[in-house]
Amino acid sequence: MSEILRLFYDIILFRKGPQDVPYSPALTKMTLAVYAVVSFLMLFMSSHWFSAILKMLADIVLLMAFVRVTLAWVHKSERYHQTFCALLGTDALLTLFGVPATAVMLVPSGDLTVLGFFVVVGLILWHWAVIGHILSNALEQTLAFSLGIALLYMMATYQILAMLF
């Protein structure tokens, strides 16, 4: 387990890529479960539990569809499990880093609200760069191209979730 955490940590530091994630549907399911729990906990801090579950499920479906379509578009569907697992694991890890900052931001009279805001913005930018890094390796495209795809994905996800909820 610590090897997998170390792998995701290395990916978010741009030392490794999705090709370093072992091909394992079981690992993908485990990472999906961890992602679901972490995502739910983050969403539950600012919404009702049922709404948090719905948002988390919609987010997972959007990510699954995005990875499937993107990899199929470049004829690299065989990389699905590794890419999906890398995106789930790194997102869960970055979300864990963001929980304290988000909790501080949600406190109405917190002294560190502005600091918490900047930490969250920094984590969003870092998350964007990590998605771009993973896609660059998975799609065998330039980082600039992959950052563009990552930005489109993030913006589309935020818009779709905002429309739904």
Foldseek 3Di string as FASTA:
>chain_A
DVVVLVVLVCLLVVNDELVPDDDDPVLLVVLLVLLLVLQLVQQVLPDPSVLSNVLSVLLLVLLLVLLCVLCVVLVLNVSSSSLSSSLSSNVSVLSVVLSVLSNQCPPPPRPCNVVSVVSVVVSVVSSLQSQLSRCCVSNVHDSVVSSVSSVVSVVVSVVVSVVVD
